[in-house]
Amino acid sequence: MKTALTDADPRQLGDYWLASRLGVGGQGVVYEAYDSSGTRVAIKAWHPDPANRPEVRDRLTKEVVSAQRVASFCTARVLGADLEAERPYIVSEYVEGPSLRAADRVFGGDDLHRLATAIATALTAIHDAGVVHRDLKPDNVLLGPDGPRVIDFGVARTLDMSLTSTGIVAGTPSYMAPEVYSGQRAGTAADVFAWGAVVLFAATGKDPFTAEALGAVMHRVLSHDPDLAVLPAPLRTLVGAALAKDPDRRPPARDLLLALISGDLGLQTAHLLERGAGEGARLTEAVRDPVLEVLAEDAFAALSPAERELVPEVFLRLVTVTEAGQLTLRQARRAEFPEGADRVLKAFAYVVSDGDPVRLTRPALLPAWPWLRAWVAANRDGLAVHRRIWTAAERWQEQGRREADLFQGSSLDDALRWAAAERRNITLTPDERDFLAAGAALTRRRSRRSRLVSITLAVLLSLALVAGLMLVRQSAMLAGQRDVAESARLAGVAGEVRGKDPVLGMLLSAAAGRLAPTDEARSALLASAAHHATRSFRDPDTGPATARTLSADGRSLISVGPDEVKVWDVGTGRRTGGFTGLGLTGKRLRQAAISPDGRLLAVADHTGVGLWEMATGRRTGYRVPADENFDLTISFSGRHLVADFGQGKMIYDPESGKTTSLAALTDVAVHPKGGYAVGAEVWALPSGETLPGFEGACGGCASIPAFSPDGALPALAMEDELVVYDTRTRKKVHTLQEWDTGTTPVFGRDSRTLIGYGDQITVYRLTDDPVLLRHPAEEPATAAALGPEGLRYLADDTVVTLETGYVRSETMDDIGFSPDGRVLATHAEDSAAVMVNGRPVELAEPSAFEIKTAFSRDGGRLAIEAGEQVTVWDLAAGKELARVPLPEITGLVPDSPKVLPVPQGVWLAGDDFVLREVPGGRLLKQVPRPPRLLDWAVAADGRLVGLDGDTLRLIDVVAGKPLGPPLSLPGVAREIWFSGDLKLVAAGFSGKVGIWDTATGRQVGTWARAGYESSTAAFSHDGRLFALALDDRSMVVWDVRQGRQVGPVVELPDSAYSIAFTPGSREVLTVGRAGRASRLPVAVEPLLKAVCARAGRALTEAEWVRYLPDRPYEKSC
């Protein structure tokens, strides 16, 4: 539970401002905090080590480094640490929501299974990184809005689990494994024991080994087997194994996770963690844990316009800037505040103290609230001047207003200049005005030489204080601050509405960007530009007594009320049809379904299912009765109506009037021609006789079937894969291994595209690289269609249109951009040419080897590697310049470039580095390759530069000299990327990437965490941005200077093989092996243009008044 900061708590730890206490223990305190950009984090700060023992710091450092390696699956990510501070601390992701213990609820059924899966996923990720938690307990499992998260791992061994003087391990006794009490060190098996105890706690609400005294608890842990009868059978077996007294008999966390989600022992750990995290994310907890920004905005909104004008005055009195330029807090006497400030202080009682003097009780409000950030940024230089004024004025008052304590000379001139011409948002107190006036008067008396300057400034001061001559300038500055704060607020609102109404999200993002080009606005614009959803249509009839369905082509929403059917064109929002006289008033509508040809409408109510002709509104066919006490769902499969009564299926053919009853508990699909149905088995229609199944299909397994439009391909979606068969041969023709569990399949029009819909929308192609699109649905989708106007899905009362992108079938063995993104080179398998911006560069002969291409820094030359030979081309002239052999490679070398063109020739890498002249090919240089060179690049002057794995320094490879200090890398990187000027190096490790400054050797910002391995990356030309493409077909853009992600994770149309920024860093380009390319703006100006073009309209006046009520209407697009 959160509590206020105490006087003993610091206000800042490093760059983090503290907001509240989250928990207290014998070794330290956990705080809620915010970084300089307003991101909320959790900080665990230890009490100072009185003995200042270096071995404690060393062990803690090793633990933190290990914890940072943990992939972020169902865990709170470790973001950073400072273990050299007086109070060592570690920073982790903030998880909204209560702990498992504080939730005060008992779990059962699917929720218990998902909770167990999430915790097992977290342990698997922790153990996979070589870390042991050692303190897993209900207090360290948080129930967040996106599923359970395990916290506080990795560092427990050093402090929290140290031995006491009696030899007993300090911690939570009920969750410690028996071997720990026997003096053994806690290992991964102890975490598994704790997992079993935590799952049992979740199912019962009680600690599994309880007693009144510690000795009794130890005895129960060592000898007692708790009752597991409350657990369902599969989970009971796993928990029983986890609670085994012998650690060697407990299963590893990975085996627990396999048993919980899949029996496939061949699953790679990364895929296993992804699936476990997905299962855990389905267990969500509604939380009320607002960020400080929301609390401040609520207080601000409650004030009158006149009172809002006083808010910056109040808060700028509570902060100041030191002589060293550091922002810090101060206490202010109530007499310092302007008249009317009491109402402001009362409204903000949650963040300021009551009494006199007044102080900020939640220092983190400074970075957390965009308005306050803007006010401080606009007044930062003035705050330093004001600090000198009020400090000197207080001393002057305390010493009896002595002349010796007054400002003179440059100090007085600076103070008067600020007070008269530069001051904003701060009203001087009477004491401060008297102090400056006295100083000016004394100067006039003492020195005629400085009289003109000081009198002029004094007059300006008087005019400013009395008549407010600078009001226009200050108003303009205040308006700018308001624009910055309003821009940040609108960007947040855009994110909230984007899922339901993507166009409104685009327009609010554009409005934020027009107001001020803030980081928040750029992130919102980037999210709108990359968002798959382009349009949404909401049913005007929003009442609960409405059933809805989507036409097979996705063009129409059919909205069914008790007595009227309305048909809406989703693209235009216009009503295009419908009828009245349905006659279902007084009946509870359950569901509606429309036939693929749009002729028939089926409506289910609590008494049965009826059919109507859409063209005439007449009832037709047979009414299927139903028992209101049983579940009932309906759907059309081909021309047949399928009714599911929970205990079986009934298939009705409207053309023949024949019905077939099937004792099938899982879903069924009917062949388009109506001859048979497919589900867990195959049945003939209308007889219902069982037919031979498909090759290798699991006869009794639960599956969700679908047919292609021509009936040639039936598909069966099972747990985590979808299998496609040929109806003629009954044999398997394709398997999609990446199928999302629980989603319903539907074919596209071409029979080569499949859509899975449910909690998320996924589009697949029946190819080797199947996933085209993944889109999380705001609400679970109940229907989906891929028609001529794009992909549309129905979720609750809204139809959302998604952009699916361009699909190319040709597979490339090499594809890449020039460094400036102006030139694209591709080579299709077995082709006799490399295509350069669509023009062929002919090879001497089709190569049996994989082709590799490399551009010079200016993009003017292209080197083509084929087998043991390299050709260099002048692209402007379109001619070959040289043909040279690759150097010999006898040993293993890293997978770094083998060829790089430079102005004087081309560098070639093998056992040696060889520079050959171009044109011609004459040997210019040959130097040995350093044995531990991780990667290499070419500087602007043509020098060969590499990163040495032994010293972790950049080196001049030819001269053998270091080019800077060692980089503070935590180990040997898997991938290396250099900025164009070699001032920055990005290094990829397992699931994360960091950036280092080669001049200082220090890491810049925090880790860019991925959860997947990176595939390629690039720096912008100015080094300010870093784009990282991942193996899961996504990309993140990182602001290097801010040390944080820009916008959301962007889904790409293909797994990126090459990535580049355009000149001016305005756009980032990616292209994959299938030739699918993407162009994403990243600068505010092109983002505004792209987003407005996507939106296709401007905010209406009504929308403007709703979201920007205090500003006059203007077109943002």
Foldseek 3Di string as FASTA:
>chain_A
DWDFDDPPDDQDDVQKGFFTWPDDDPFFTKTWIAGLQQAIKIKTWGAADVVPDVVLLVLQVVLLLLQQQQAPQQAWHWWAWDSPDRTTMTITHDFFAAFLLVVQAADADLLLLLQLLSLLLRLLSSVVSVWAFQADASRQWGFGQQFIYGYRGRNCVSPQQDADPVRQTHHDLLLAALVVRVVDDDDQLSVLLSSLQRSVCNNPVDRQQDDDDSVSSSVCLQDNDGDLVSHPDLSSVLSSQSSDNDSVSHDGSLVVNCSSAHVPPPDDSLVSSVVSSNSRSVNHDDGDDDRVQVLVVVLLVVDDPVLNLQVLQVVLQQWAAEPVRDIDGDWDFPLQGDPPCVSSCVSVVVQWPDDGGIHGSGSNCCSNHLLNVLSCVLCSVVRHLVVVLVVLLVVCVVVPNDPVSADDDPNLLVNLCCLQAPDASHQGGPSSLVRSLSRLVVHCVPDPVCVVSSVVSNVSNVCCNPVVPCVVVRVVSSQLSVLRSLLLVLLVVLVVCCQFAVLVSLQSLLSSCVSDVDLSSLQSLQQSLQAQFQGKAFDPPQDPQWAWDAAQQRQWIWIDHQFWIWIAGGVPRHTDAIDGGPNRPPWRWDYWEAANVRQWIWTATLFWIWIAGRVPRHTAADTGGAHSVFDWDWYDAQQWIWIDRQQWIKIARRVVNDIATGRDNAEWHAQNVRQWIDFLFIAGPPVRHTDDAAPPRRNNAHWAWHAAPNRQWIWTHHAQKIWIAGPVVSYTDAMGRRRHGPFHWYAANVNQWIWTFFQWIWIFGRDPFTTQDIGGRPAGFPDWHQHPVAIWTDGNRMITHGDRADFFQFFWLEWEAAQQRPWIWTHTQQDQFIAIVNRTLGHPHRAPARKYWEAENVRQKIWIDGPQKIWIAGVVVSDTWDIEGADAADDDDAPEDQWYAAPQAIWGDHQWIWGAGTRPGHTDDIGGDPPQFNYWDAANVGFIWTQGQVQQFIARRVVRGGDEHHAPDPHRFNDWDAARRRQKIWGHDAQWIWIAGNHHNYTFATIPGGSAGWQDKYAANVRQWIWTFGQVQWIWIAGRNVRGTRHDIRHHSARFNYKHAHPVSQWIKTAHRSGGIDIRGSRSVVSSVSSCVSSVAFDDPVRCCVSPVPDDDDTSD
